[in-house]
PDB file of N, CA and C in Angstrom:
ATOM      1  N   MET A   1     -13.174  87.797 185.821  1.00  0.00           N
ATOM      2  CA  MET A   1     -14.437  87.394 186.408  1.00  0.00           C
ATOM      3  C   MET A   1     -14.668  85.906 186.130  1.00  0.00           C
ATOM      4  N   LYS A   2     -15.115  85.186 187.149  1.00  0.00           N
ATOM      5  CA  LYS A   2     -15.338  83.748 187.045  1.00  0.00           C
ATOM      6  C   LYS A   2     -16.576  83.446 186.192  1.00  0.00           C
ATOM      7  N   GLU A   3     -16.471  82.411 185.363  1.00  0.00           N
ATOM      8  CA  GLU A   3     -17.593  82.006 184.530  1.00  0.00           C
ATOM      9  C   GLU A   3     -18.731  81.480 185.403  1.00  0.00           C
ATOM     10  N   ASN A   4     -19.946  81.888 185.112  1.00  0.00           N
ATOM     11  CA  ASN A   4     -21.117  81.423 185.829  1.00  0.00           C
ATOM     12  C   ASN A   4     -21.718  80.261 185.039  1.00  0.00           C
ATOM     13  N   ILE A   5     -21.340  79.056 185.427  1.00  0.00           N
ATOM     14  CA  ILE A   5     -21.708  77.861 184.670  1.00  0.00           C
ATOM     15  C   ILE A   5     -23.221  77.661 184.622  1.00  0.00           C
ATOM     16  N   ILE A   6     -23.890  77.784 185.760  1.00  0.00           N
ATOM     17  CA  ILE A   6     -25.332  77.546 185.765  1.00  0.00           C
ATOM     18  C   ILE A   6     -26.075  78.605 184.963  1.00  0.00           C
ATOM     19  N   ARG A   7     -25.590  79.821 184.994  1.00  0.00           N
ATOM     20  CA  ARG A   7     -26.210  80.885 184.200  1.00  0.00           C
ATOM     21  C   ARG A   7     -26.100  80.554 182.716  1.00  0.00           C
ATOM     22  N   ASN A   8     -24.910  80.157 182.287  1.00  0.00           N
ATOM     23  CA  ASN A   8     -24.674  79.845 180.874  1.00  0.00           C
ATOM     24  C   ASN A   8     -25.439  78.606 180.424  1.00  0.00           C
ATOM     25  N   LYS A   9     -25.390  77.550 181.229  1.00  0.00           N
ATOM     26  CA  LYS A   9     -26.078  76.314 180.847  1.00  0.00           C
ATOM     27  C   LYS A   9     -27.592  76.503 180.796  1.00  0.00           C
ATOM     28  N   SER A  10     -28.143  77.225 181.768  1.00  0.00           N
ATOM     29  CA  SER A  10     -29.599  77.415 181.775  1.00  0.00           C
ATOM     30  C   SER A  10     -30.039  78.310 180.611  1.00  0.00           C
ATOM     31  N   PHE A  11     -29.195  79.259 180.223  1.00  0.00           N
ATOM     32  CA  PHE A  11     -29.526  80.113 179.084  1.00  0.00           C
ATOM     33  C   PHE A  11     -29.479  79.313 177.778  1.00  0.00           C
ATOM     34  N   ARG A  12     -28.421  78.517 177.599  1.00  0.00           N
ATOM     35  CA  ARG A  12     -28.328  77.675 176.393  1.00  0.00           C
ATOM     36  C   ARG A  12     -29.488  76.680 176.329  1.00  0.00           C
ATOM     37  N   PHE A  13     -29.870  76.151 177.494  1.00  0.00           N
ATOM     38  CA  PHE A  13     -31.001  75.231 177.536  1.00  0.00           C
ATOM     39  C   PHE A  13     -32.284  75.948 177.104  1.00  0.00           C
ATOM     40  N   ALA A  14     -32.476  77.164 177.585  1.00  0.00           N
ATOM     41  CA  ALA A  14     -33.667  77.937 177.203  1.00  0.00           C
ATOM     42  C   ALA A  14     -33.721  78.136 175.687  1.00  0.00           C
ATOM     43  N   LEU A  15     -32.580  78.403 175.080  1.00  0.00           N
ATOM     44  CA  LEU A  15     -32.547  78.576 173.621  1.00  0.00           C
ATOM     45  C   LEU A  15     -32.941  77.288 172.902  1.00  0.00           C
ATOM     46  N   LYS A  16     -32.504  76.149 173.432  1.00  0.00           N
ATOM     47  CA  LYS A  16     -32.888  74.860 172.841  1.00  0.00           C
ATOM     48  C   LYS A  16     -34.389  74.617 172.998  1.00  0.00           C
ATOM     49  N   VAL A  17     -34.940  75.020 174.129  1.00  0.00           N
ATOM     50  CA  VAL A  17     -36.382  74.864 174.357  1.00  0.00           C
ATOM     51  C   VAL A  17     -37.161  75.754 173.395  1.00  0.00           C
ATOM     52  N   VAL A  18     -36.692  76.956 173.169  1.00  0.00           N
ATOM     53  CA  VAL A  18     -37.350  77.853 172.205  1.00  0.00           C
ATOM     54  C   VAL A  18     -37.319  77.219 170.811  1.00  0.00           C
ATOM     55  N   ALA A  19     -36.177  76.684 170.422  1.00  0.00           N
ATOM     56  CA  ALA A  19     -36.064  76.036 169.105  1.00  0.00           C
ATOM     57  C   ALA A  19     -36.996  74.824 169.012  1.00  0.00           C
ATOM     58  N   LEU A  20     -37.101  74.065 170.086  1.00  0.00           N
ATOM     59  CA  LEU A  20     -38.007  72.919 170.087  1.00  0.00           C
ATOM     60  C   LEU A  20     -39.457  73.382 169.978  1.00  0.00           C
ATOM     61  N   ASN A  21     -39.785  74.483 170.622  1.00  0.00           N
ATOM     62  CA  ASN A  21     -41.132  75.026 170.531  1.00  0.00           C
ATOM     63  C   ASN A  21     -41.472  75.400 169.096  1.00  0.00           C
ATOM     64  N   VAL A  22     -40.529  75.993 168.400  1.00  0.00           N
ATOM     65  CA  VAL A  22     -40.734  76.344 166.986  1.00  0.00           C
ATOM     66  C   VAL A  22     -40.951  75.068 166.169  1.00  0.00           C
ATOM     67  N   TYR A  23     -40.135  74.049 166.412  1.00  0.00           N
ATOM     68  CA  TYR A  23     -40.261  72.760 165.728  1.00  0.00           C
ATOM     69  C   TYR A  23     -41.643  72.149 165.980  1.00  0.00           C
ATOM     70  N   LEU A  24     -42.064  72.150 167.246  1.00  0.00           N
ATOM     71  CA  LEU A  24     -43.355  71.552 167.595  1.00  0.00           C
ATOM     72  C   LEU A  24     -44.525  72.352 167.032  1.00  0.00           C
ATOM     73  N   SER A  25     -44.366  73.652 166.925  1.00  0.00           N
ATOM     74  CA  SER A  25     -45.417  74.470 166.313  1.00  0.00           C
ATOM     75  C   SER A  25     -45.619  74.065 164.857  1.00  0.00           C
ATOM     76  N   GLY A  26     -44.521  73.712 164.193  1.00  0.00           N
ATOM     77  CA  GLY A  26     -44.607  73.226 162.811  1.00  0.00           C
ATOM     78  C   GLY A  26     -45.336  71.899 162.712  1.00  0.00           C
ATOM     79  N   LYS A  27     -45.324  71.137 163.802  1.00  0.00           N
ATOM     80  CA  LYS A  27     -46.057  69.867 163.855  1.00  0.00           C
ATOM     81  C   LYS A  27     -47.482  70.086 164.372  1.00  0.00           C
ATOM     82  N   ARG A  28     -47.840  71.340 164.557  1.00  0.00           N
ATOM     83  CA  ARG A  28     -49.162  71.748 165.033  1.00  0.00           C
ATOM     84  C   ARG A  28     -49.449  71.249 166.447  1.00  0.00           C
ATOM     85  N   GLU A  29     -48.412  71.211 167.255  1.00  0.00           N
ATOM     86  CA  GLU A  29     -48.579  70.867 168.674  1.00  0.00           C
ATOM     87  C   GLU A  29     -48.329  72.144 169.457  1.00  0.00           C
ATOM     88  N   PHE A  30     -49.352  72.637 170.127  1.00  0.00           N
ATOM     89  CA  PHE A  30     -49.240  73.932 170.789  1.00  0.00           C
ATOM     90  C   PHE A  30     -49.380  73.860 172.311  1.00  0.00           C
ATOM     91  N   VAL A  31     -50.149  72.942 172.817  1.00  0.00           N
ATOM     92  CA  VAL A  31     -50.449  72.916 174.250  1.00  0.00           C
ATOM     93  C   VAL A  31     -49.246  72.431 175.055  1.00  0.00           C
ATOM     94  N   LEU A  32     -48.750  71.254 174.738  1.00  0.00           N
ATOM     95  CA  LEU A  32     -47.603  70.705 175.481  1.00  0.00           C
ATOM     96  C   LEU A  32     -46.360  71.559 175.274  1.00  0.00           C
ATOM     97  N   SER A  33     -46.162  72.008 174.050  1.00  0.00           N
ATOM     98  CA  SER A  33     -44.962  72.801 173.762  1.00  0.00           C
ATOM     99  C   SER A  33     -44.981  74.136 174.506  1.00  0.00           C
ATOM    100  N   LYS A  34     -46.168  74.693 174.704  1.00  0.00           N
ATOM    101  CA  LYS A  34     -46.259  75.944 175.461  1.00  0.00           C
ATOM    102  C   LYS A  34     -45.894  75.712 176.923  1.00  0.00           C
ATOM    103  N   GLN A  35     -46.324  74.579 177.471  1.00  0.00           N
ATOM    104  CA  GLN A  35     -45.969  74.248 178.857  1.00  0.00           C
ATOM    105  C   GLN A  35     -44.452  74.081 178.988  1.00  0.00           C
ATOM    106  N   LEU A  36     -43.861  73.379 178.020  1.00  0.00           N
ATOM    107  CA  LEU A  36     -42.416  73.179 178.013  1.00  0.00           C
ATOM    108  C   LEU A  36     -41.692  74.508 177.868  1.00  0.00           C
ATOM    109  N   LEU A  37     -42.174  75.360 176.984  1.00  0.00           N
ATOM    110  CA  LEU A  37     -41.565  76.673 176.769  1.00  0.00           C
ATOM    111  C   LEU A  37     -41.581  77.496 178.052  1.00  0.00           C
ATOM    112  N   ARG A  38     -42.711  77.492 178.739  1.00  0.00           N
ATOM    113  CA  ARG A  38     -42.839  78.272 179.962  1.00  0.00           C
ATOM    114  C   ARG A  38     -41.886  77.767 181.048  1.00  0.00           C
ATOM    115  N   SER A  39     -41.930  76.474 181.318  1.00  0.00           N
ATOM    116  CA  SER A  39     -41.092  75.957 182.406  1.00  0.00           C
ATOM    117  C   SER A  39     -39.616  75.911 182.026  1.00  0.00           C
ATOM    118  N   GLY A  40     -39.332  75.556 180.774  1.00  0.00           N
ATOM    119  CA  GLY A  40     -37.938  75.435 180.336  1.00  0.00           C
ATOM    120  C   GLY A  40     -37.182  76.747 180.292  1.00  0.00           C
ATOM    121  N   THR A  41     -37.878  77.822 179.987  1.00  0.00           N
ATOM    122  CA  THR A  41     -37.219  79.130 179.987  1.00  0.00           C
ATOM    123  C   THR A  41     -37.220  79.756 181.381  1.00  0.00           C
ATOM    124  N   SER A  42     -38.133  79.320 182.213  1.00  0.00           N
ATOM    125  CA  SER A  42     -38.219  79.845 183.577  1.00  0.00           C
ATOM    126  C   SER A  42     -37.016  79.439 184.425  1.00  0.00           C
ATOM    127  N   VAL A  43     -36.419  78.303 184.125  1.00  0.00           N
ATOM    128  CA  VAL A  43     -35.247  77.847 184.885  1.00  0.00           C
ATOM    129  C   VAL A  43     -34.164  78.925 184.852  1.00  0.00           C
ATOM    130  N   GLY A  44     -33.791  79.342 183.667  1.00  0.00           N
ATOM    131  CA  GLY A  44     -32.757  80.361 183.525  1.00  0.00           C
ATOM    132  C   GLY A  44     -33.174  81.709 184.076  1.00  0.00           C
ATOM    133  N   ALA A  45     -34.463  82.029 183.944  1.00  0.00           N
ATOM    134  CA  ALA A  45     -34.955  83.298 184.479  1.00  0.00           C
ATOM    135  C   ALA A  45     -34.819  83.333 185.998  1.00  0.00           C
ATOM    136  N   MET A  46     -35.100  82.226 186.649  1.00  0.00           N
ATOM    137  CA  MET A  46     -34.971  82.177 188.105  1.00  0.00           C
ATOM    138  C   MET A  46     -33.500  82.182 188.533  1.00  0.00           C
ATOM    139  N   VAL A  47     -32.640  81.574 187.737  1.00  0.00           N
ATOM    140  CA  VAL A  47     -31.194  81.636 188.019  1.00  0.00           C
ATOM    141  C   VAL A  47     -30.751  83.095 187.962  1.00  0.00           C
ATOM    142  N   ARG A  48     -31.201  83.822 186.956  1.00  0.00           N
ATOM    143  CA  ARG A  48     -30.846  85.240 186.841  1.00  0.00           C
ATOM    144  C   ARG A  48     -31.414  86.040 188.013  1.00  0.00           C
ATOM    145  N   GLU A  49     -32.643  85.727 188.404  1.00  0.00           N
ATOM    146  CA  GLU A  49     -33.219  86.429 189.555  1.00  0.00           C
ATOM    147  C   GLU A  49     -32.402  86.165 190.808  1.00  0.00           C
ATOM    148  N   ALA A  50     -31.921  84.941 190.961  1.00  0.00           N
ATOM    149  CA  ALA A  50     -31.133  84.583 192.142  1.00  0.00           C
ATOM    150  C   ALA A  50     -29.851  85.416 192.221  1.00  0.00           C
ATOM    151  N   GLU A  51     -29.323  85.809 191.079  1.00  0.00           N
ATOM    152  CA  GLU A  51     -28.105  86.627 191.062  1.00  0.00           C
ATOM    153  C   GLU A  51     -28.316  87.954 191.789  1.00  0.00           C
ATOM    154  N   GLN A  52     -29.536  88.430 191.806  1.00  0.00           N
ATOM    155  CA  GLN A  52     -29.850  89.709 192.452  1.00  0.00           C
ATOM    156  C   GLN A  52     -30.636  89.513 193.742  1.00  0.00           C
ATOM    157  N   ALA A  53     -30.488  88.355 194.349  1.00  0.00           N
ATOM    158  CA  ALA A  53     -31.221  88.058 195.583  1.00  0.00           C
ATOM    159  C   ALA A  53     -30.876  89.065 196.675  1.00  0.00           C
ATOM    160  N   GLU A  54     -31.838  89.323 197.522  1.00  0.00           N
ATOM    161  CA  GLU A  54     -31.665  90.288 198.604  1.00  0.00           C
ATOM    162  C   GLU A  54     -30.909  89.718 199.790  1.00  0.00           C
ATOM    163  N   SER A  55     -30.878  88.394 199.882  1.00  0.00           N
ATOM    164  CA  SER A  55     -30.210  87.735 200.999  1.00  0.00           C
ATOM    165  C   SER A  55     -29.882  86.295 200.590  1.00  0.00           C
ATOM    166  N   LYS A  56     -29.123  85.619 201.427  1.00  0.00           N
ATOM    167  CA  LYS A  56     -28.815  84.213 201.141  1.00  0.00           C
ATOM    168  C   LYS A  56     -30.076  83.344 201.152  1.00  0.00           C
ATOM    169  N   PRO A  57     -30.985  83.524 202.116  1.00  0.00           N
ATOM    170  CA  PRO A  57     -32.237  82.755 202.052  1.00  0.00           C
ATOM    171  C   PRO A  57     -33.057  83.060 200.789  1.00  0.00           C
ATOM    172  N   ASP A  58     -33.054  84.305 200.350  1.00  0.00           N
ATOM    173  CA  ASP A  58     -33.759  84.668 199.115  1.00  0.00           C
ATOM    174  C   ASP A  58     -33.100  83.987 197.915  1.00  0.00           C
ATOM    175  N   PHE A  59     -31.767  83.942 197.927  1.00  0.00           N
ATOM    176  CA  PHE A  59     -31.011  83.255 196.871  1.00  0.00           C
ATOM    177  C   PHE A  59     -31.421  81.782 196.809  1.00  0.00           C
ATOM    178  N   ILE A  60     -31.453  81.135 197.966  1.00  0.00           N
ATOM    179  CA  ILE A  60     -31.846  79.719 198.037  1.00  0.00           C
ATOM    180  C   ILE A  60     -33.272  79.550 197.541  1.00  0.00           C
ATOM    181  N   HIS A  61     -34.151  80.453 197.945  1.00  0.00           N
ATOM    182  CA  HIS A  61     -35.550  80.376 197.526  1.00  0.00           C
ATOM    183  C   HIS A  61     -35.686  80.467 196.001  1.00  0.00           C
ATOM    184  N   LYS A  62     -35.001  81.407 195.401  1.00  0.00           N
ATOM    185  CA  LYS A  62     -35.091  81.586 193.949  1.00  0.00           C
ATOM    186  C   LYS A  62     -34.518  80.376 193.208  1.00  0.00           C
ATOM    187  N   LEU A  63     -33.405  79.837 193.706  1.00  0.00           N
ATOM    188  CA  LEU A  63     -32.852  78.639 193.066  1.00  0.00           C
ATOM    189  C   LEU A  63     -33.741  77.427 193.294  1.00  0.00           C
ATOM    190  N   SER A  64     -34.441  77.395 194.422  1.00  0.00           N
ATOM    191  CA  SER A  64     -35.388  76.299 194.663  1.00  0.00           C
ATOM    192  C   SER A  64     -36.539  76.354 193.666  1.00  0.00           C
ATOM    193  N   ILE A  65     -36.960  77.554 193.319  1.00  0.00           N
ATOM    194  CA  ILE A  65     -37.998  77.699 192.286  1.00  0.00           C
ATOM    195  C   ILE A  65     -37.442  77.235 190.943  1.00  0.00           C
ATOM    196  N   ALA A  66     -36.193  77.589 190.629  1.00  0.00           N
ATOM    197  CA  ALA A  66     -35.560  77.126 189.382  1.00  0.00           C
ATOM    198  C   ALA A  66     -35.526  75.600 189.351  1.00  0.00           C
ATOM    199  N   GLN A  67     -35.243  74.997 190.504  1.00  0.00           N
ATOM    200  CA  GLN A  67     -35.195  73.540 190.596  1.00  0.00           C
ATOM    201  C   GLN A  67     -36.582  72.936 190.322  1.00  0.00           C
ATOM    202  N   LYS A  68     -37.620  73.545 190.869  1.00  0.00           N
ATOM    203  CA  LYS A  68     -38.987  73.073 190.621  1.00  0.00           C
ATOM    204  C   LYS A  68     -39.357  73.213 189.147  1.00  0.00           C
ATOM    205  N   GLU A  69     -38.971  74.320 188.542  1.00  0.00           N
ATOM    206  CA  GLU A  69     -39.246  74.523 187.114  1.00  0.00           C
ATOM    207  C   GLU A  69     -38.503  73.482 186.268  1.00  0.00           C
ATOM    208  N   ALA A  70     -37.282  73.154 186.686  1.00  0.00           N
ATOM    209  CA  ALA A  70     -36.510  72.131 185.966  1.00  0.00           C
ATOM    210  C   ALA A  70     -37.200  70.774 186.076  1.00  0.00           C
ATOM    211  N   ASN A  71     -37.732  70.463 187.250  1.00  0.00           N
ATOM    212  CA  ASN A  71     -38.460  69.197 187.412  1.00  0.00           C
ATOM    213  C   ASN A  71     -39.714  69.167 186.549  1.00  0.00           C
ATOM    214  N   GLU A  72     -40.412  70.301 186.482  1.00  0.00           N
ATOM    215  CA  GLU A  72     -41.593  70.360 185.621  1.00  0.00           C
ATOM    216  C   GLU A  72     -41.198  70.207 184.157  1.00  0.00           C
ATOM    217  N   THR A  73     -40.111  70.836 183.770  1.00  0.00           N
ATOM    218  CA  THR A  73     -39.626  70.722 182.395  1.00  0.00           C
ATOM    219  C   THR A  73     -39.310  69.274 182.058  1.00  0.00           C
ATOM    220  N   ASP A  74     -38.718  68.569 182.999  1.00  0.00           N
ATOM    221  CA  ASP A  74     -38.413  67.147 182.829  1.00  0.00           C
ATOM    222  C   ASP A  74     -39.702  66.366 182.544  1.00  0.00           C
ATOM    223  N   TYR A  75     -40.750  66.693 183.252  1.00  0.00           N
ATOM    224  CA  TYR A  75     -42.040  66.041 183.044  1.00  0.00           C
ATOM    225  C   TYR A  75     -42.557  66.276 181.618  1.00  0.00           C
ATOM    226  N   TRP A  76     -42.532  67.532 181.179  1.00  0.00           N
ATOM    227  CA  TRP A  76     -43.051  67.843 179.843  1.00  0.00           C
ATOM    228  C   TRP A  76     -42.209  67.182 178.760  1.00  0.00           C
ATOM    229  N   LEU A  77     -40.903  67.089 178.969  1.00  0.00           N
ATOM    230  CA  LEU A  77     -40.062  66.375 178.002  1.00  0.00           C
ATOM    231  C   LEU A  77     -40.468  64.910 177.922  1.00  0.00           C
ATOM    232  N   ASP A  78     -40.713  64.301 179.077  1.00  0.00           N
ATOM    233  CA  ASP A  78     -41.161  62.904 179.096  1.00  0.00           C
ATOM    234  C   ASP A  78     -42.470  62.733 178.343  1.00  0.00           C
ATOM    235  N   VAL A  79     -43.416  63.640 178.584  1.00  0.00           N
ATOM    236  CA  VAL A  79     -44.715  63.556 177.907  1.00  0.00           C
ATOM    237  C   VAL A  79     -44.536  63.693 176.395  1.00  0.00           C
ATOM    238  N   LEU A  80     -43.741  64.664 175.983  1.00  0.00           N
ATOM    239  CA  LEU A  80     -43.525  64.870 174.537  1.00  0.00           C
ATOM    240  C   LEU A  80     -42.832  63.667 173.902  1.00  0.00           C
ATOM    241  N   PHE A  81     -41.898  63.092 174.607  1.00  0.00           N
ATOM    242  CA  PHE A  81     -41.183  61.927 174.066  1.00  0.00           C
ATOM    243  C   PHE A  81     -42.106  60.706 173.985  1.00  0.00           C
ATOM    244  N   HIS A  82     -42.808  60.423 175.051  1.00  0.00           N
ATOM    245  CA  HIS A  82     -43.648  59.219 175.087  1.00  0.00           C
ATOM    246  C   HIS A  82     -44.916  59.353 174.250  1.00  0.00           C
ATOM    247  N   SER A  83     -45.250  60.564 173.845  1.00  0.00           N
ATOM    248  CA  SER A  83     -46.373  60.747 172.926  1.00  0.00           C
ATOM    249  C   SER A  83     -45.884  60.916 171.491  1.00  0.00           C
ATOM    250  N   ASN A  84     -44.592  60.675 171.283  1.00  0.00           N
ATOM    251  CA  ASN A  84     -43.958  60.657 169.951  1.00  0.00           C
ATOM    252  C   ASN A  84     -43.921  62.007 169.253  1.00  0.00           C
ATOM    253  N   TYR A  85     -43.923  63.096 170.009  1.00  0.00           N
ATOM    254  CA  TYR A  85     -43.737  64.412 169.401  1.00  0.00           C
ATOM    255  C   TYR A  85     -42.262  64.740 169.195  1.00  0.00           C
ATOM    256  N   ILE A  86     -41.405  64.178 170.048  1.00  0.00           N
ATOM    257  CA  ILE A  86     -39.963  64.359 169.860  1.00  0.00           C
ATOM    258  C   ILE A  86     -39.320  62.989 169.785  1.00  0.00           C
ATOM    259  N   ASP A  87     -38.233  62.913 169.033  1.00  0.00           N
ATOM    260  CA  ASP A  87     -37.573  61.618 168.854  1.00  0.00           C
ATOM    261  C   ASP A  87     -36.534  61.370 169.953  1.00  0.00           C
ATOM    262  N   ASP A  88     -35.959  60.208 169.897  1.00  0.00           N
ATOM    263  CA  ASP A  88     -34.996  59.765 170.909  1.00  0.00           C
ATOM    264  C   ASP A  88     -33.798  60.706 171.014  1.00  0.00           C
ATOM    265  N   THR A  89     -33.295  61.157 169.887  1.00  0.00           N
ATOM    266  CA  THR A  89     -32.132  62.050 169.880  1.00  0.00           C
ATOM    267  C   THR A  89     -32.462  63.380 170.546  1.00  0.00           C
ATOM    268  N   GLN A  90     -33.584  63.968 170.173  1.00  0.00           N
ATOM    269  CA  GLN A  90     -34.002  65.238 170.780  1.00  0.00           C
ATOM    270  C   GLN A  90     -34.183  65.077 172.288  1.00  0.00           C
ATOM    271  N   TYR A  91     -34.861  64.006 172.663  1.00  0.00           N
ATOM    272  CA  TYR A  91     -35.139  63.763 174.077  1.00  0.00           C
ATOM    273  C   TYR A  91     -33.853  63.581 174.871  1.00  0.00           C
ATOM    274  N   LYS A  92     -32.964  62.744 174.380  1.00  0.00           N
ATOM    275  CA  LYS A  92     -31.732  62.452 175.127  1.00  0.00           C
ATOM    276  C   LYS A  92     -30.868  63.702 175.305  1.00  0.00           C
ATOM    277  N   GLU A  93     -30.756  64.509 174.263  1.00  0.00           N
ATOM    278  CA  GLU A  93     -29.941  65.726 174.364  1.00  0.00           C
ATOM    279  C   GLU A  93     -30.517  66.692 175.399  1.00  0.00           C
ATOM    280  N   LEU A  94     -31.799  66.956 175.302  1.00  0.00           N
ATOM    281  CA  LEU A  94     -32.431  67.892 176.237  1.00  0.00           C
ATOM    282  C   LEU A  94     -32.447  67.329 177.661  1.00  0.00           C
ATOM    283  N   HIS A  95     -32.713  66.050 177.771  1.00  0.00           N
ATOM    284  CA  HIS A  95     -32.753  65.419 179.086  1.00  0.00           C
ATOM    285  C   HIS A  95     -31.369  65.430 179.740  1.00  0.00           C
ATOM    286  N   ARG A  96     -30.337  65.182 178.964  1.00  0.00           N
ATOM    287  CA  ARG A  96     -28.960  65.225 179.482  1.00  0.00           C
ATOM    288  C   ARG A  96     -28.626  66.632 179.974  1.00  0.00           C
ATOM    289  N   ASP A  97     -28.927  67.629 179.150  1.00  0.00           N
ATOM    290  CA  ASP A  97     -28.668  69.022 179.538  1.00  0.00           C
ATOM    291  C   ASP A  97     -29.421  69.388 180.810  1.00  0.00           C
ATOM    292  N   LEU A  98     -30.685  68.998 180.868  1.00  0.00           N
ATOM    293  CA  LEU A  98     -31.506  69.328 182.021  1.00  0.00           C
ATOM    294  C   LEU A  98     -31.013  68.614 183.279  1.00  0.00           C
ATOM    295  N   SER A  99     -30.574  67.381 183.129  1.00  0.00           N
ATOM    296  CA  SER A  99     -30.039  66.643 184.280  1.00  0.00           C
ATOM    297  C   SER A  99     -28.810  67.336 184.858  1.00  0.00           C
ATOM    298  N   GLU A 100     -27.947  67.829 183.983  1.00  0.00           N
ATOM    299  CA  GLU A 100     -26.768  68.579 184.441  1.00  0.00           C
ATOM    300  C   GLU A 100     -27.190  69.834 185.202  1.00  0.00           C
ATOM    301  N   ILE A 101     -28.141  70.555 184.655  1.00  0.00           N
ATOM    302  CA  ILE A 101     -28.633  71.784 185.277  1.00  0.00           C
ATOM    303  C   ILE A 101     -29.218  71.473 186.653  1.00  0.00           C
ATOM    304  N   LYS A 102     -30.019  70.420 186.743  1.00  0.00           N
ATOM    305  CA  LYS A 102     -30.637  70.057 188.014  1.00  0.00           C
ATOM    306  C   LYS A 102     -29.584  69.696 189.062  1.00  0.00           C
ATOM    307  N   LYS A 103     -28.549  68.980 188.651  1.00  0.00           N
ATOM    308  CA  LYS A 103     -27.484  68.603 189.582  1.00  0.00           C
ATOM    309  C   LYS A 103     -26.725  69.830 190.079  1.00  0.00           C
ATOM    310  N   ILE A 104     -26.445  70.750 189.181  1.00  0.00           N
ATOM    311  CA  ILE A 104     -25.721  71.971 189.570  1.00  0.00           C
ATOM    312  C   ILE A 104     -26.564  72.802 190.536  1.00  0.00           C
ATOM    313  N   ILE A 105     -27.829  72.988 190.204  1.00  0.00           N
ATOM    314  CA  ILE A 105     -28.705  73.766 191.076  1.00  0.00           C
ATOM    315  C   ILE A 105     -28.800  73.109 192.460  1.00  0.00           C
ATOM    316  N   ALA A 106     -28.987  71.803 192.488  1.00  0.00           N
ATOM    317  CA  ALA A 106     -29.082  71.096 193.775  1.00  0.00           C
ATOM    318  C   ALA A 106     -27.802  71.281 194.585  1.00  0.00           C
ATOM    319  N   SER A 107     -26.669  71.200 193.924  1.00  0.00           N
ATOM    320  CA  SER A 107     -25.380  71.365 194.602  1.00  0.00           C
ATOM    321  C   SER A 107     -25.228  72.777 195.168  1.00  0.00           C
ATOM    322  N   ILE A 108     -25.614  73.765 194.387  1.00  0.00           N
ATOM    323  CA  ILE A 108     -25.529  75.156 194.846  1.00  0.00           C
ATOM    324  C   ILE A 108     -26.424  75.359 196.076  1.00  0.00           C
ATOM    325  N   ILE A 109     -27.634  74.817 196.024  1.00  0.00           N
ATOM    326  CA  ILE A 109     -28.566  74.967 197.144  1.00  0.00           C
ATOM    327  C   ILE A 109     -27.995  74.323 198.410  1.00  0.00           C
ATOM    328  N   VAL A 110     -27.488  73.106 198.280  1.00  0.00           N
ATOM    329  CA  VAL A 110     -26.915  72.410 199.442  1.00  0.00           C
ATOM    330  C   VAL A 110     -25.742  73.191 200.008  1.00  0.00           C
ATOM    331  N   THR A 111     -24.857  73.646 199.144  1.00  0.00           N
ATOM    332  CA  THR A 111     -23.683  74.416 199.586  1.00  0.00           C
ATOM    333  C   THR A 111     -24.108  75.685 200.316  1.00  0.00           C
ATOM    334  N   MET A 112     -25.074  76.404 199.760  1.00  0.00           N
ATOM    335  CA  MET A 112     -25.513  77.644 200.378  1.00  0.00           C
ATOM    336  C   MET A 112     -26.202  77.368 201.722  1.00  0.00           C
ATOM    337  N   LYS A 113     -26.990  76.326 201.800  1.00  0.00           N
ATOM    338  CA  LYS A 113     -27.635  75.977 203.071  1.00  0.00           C
ATOM    339  C   LYS A 113     -26.591  75.631 204.122  1.00  0.00           C
ATOM    340  N   GLN A 114     -25.536  74.942 203.710  1.00  0.00           N
ATOM    341  CA  GLN A 114     -24.442  74.626 204.646  1.00  0.00           C
ATOM    342  C   GLN A 114     -23.769  75.893 205.143  1.00  0.00           C
ATOM    343  N   LYS A 115     -23.586  76.831 204.232  1.00  0.00           N
ATOM    344  CA  LYS A 115     -22.936  78.096 204.601  1.00  0.00           C
ATOM    345  C   LYS A 115     -23.739  78.894 205.614  1.00  0.00           C
ATOM    346  N   ILE A 116     -25.050  78.828 205.526  1.00  0.00           N
ATOM    347  CA  ILE A 116     -25.861  79.607 206.471  1.00  0.00           C
ATOM    348  C   ILE A 116     -26.360  78.756 207.630  1.00  0.00           C
ATOM    349  N   GLY A 117     -25.925  77.509 207.666  1.00  0.00           N
ATOM    350  CA  GLY A 117     -26.245  76.645 208.789  1.00  0.00           C
ATOM    351  C   GLY A 117     -27.651  76.067 208.798  1.00  0.00           C
ATOM    352  N   LYS A 118     -28.209  75.863 207.627  1.00  0.00           N
ATOM    353  CA  LYS A 118     -29.563  75.298 207.547  1.00  0.00           C
ATOM    354  C   LYS A 118     -29.553  73.831 207.165  1.00  0.00           C
ATOM    355  N   LEU A 119     -28.391  73.197 207.169  1.00  0.00           N
ATOM    356  CA  LEU A 119     -28.315  71.763 206.862  1.00  0.00           C
ATOM    357  C   LEU A 119     -27.614  71.038 207.962  1.00  0.00           C
TER     358      LEU A 119
END
């Protein structure tokens, strides 16, 4: 069976977001970290939902939601970094991982749209 790269990367990213949430809770930051936790774990959840899509358009729709969640996660990471809740190392690692995930999701969406003739 072929390795599902986006499934694995989005799951590992979710685990990093959970760990960051625990770290931020120790710093008594709950509001921003909760937003990050919700959107950051939702990316992988939507990837998993896409695996069971009812049709190719449904698959594209679910991955498009994952893409939106990834963009929101990017925003919360920026806010946490620029408000000095996370340091440069934490930010760069998570941002790099998220950028890879966003590129893969975008590529999958484009490829699938080409396959069904929507591009």
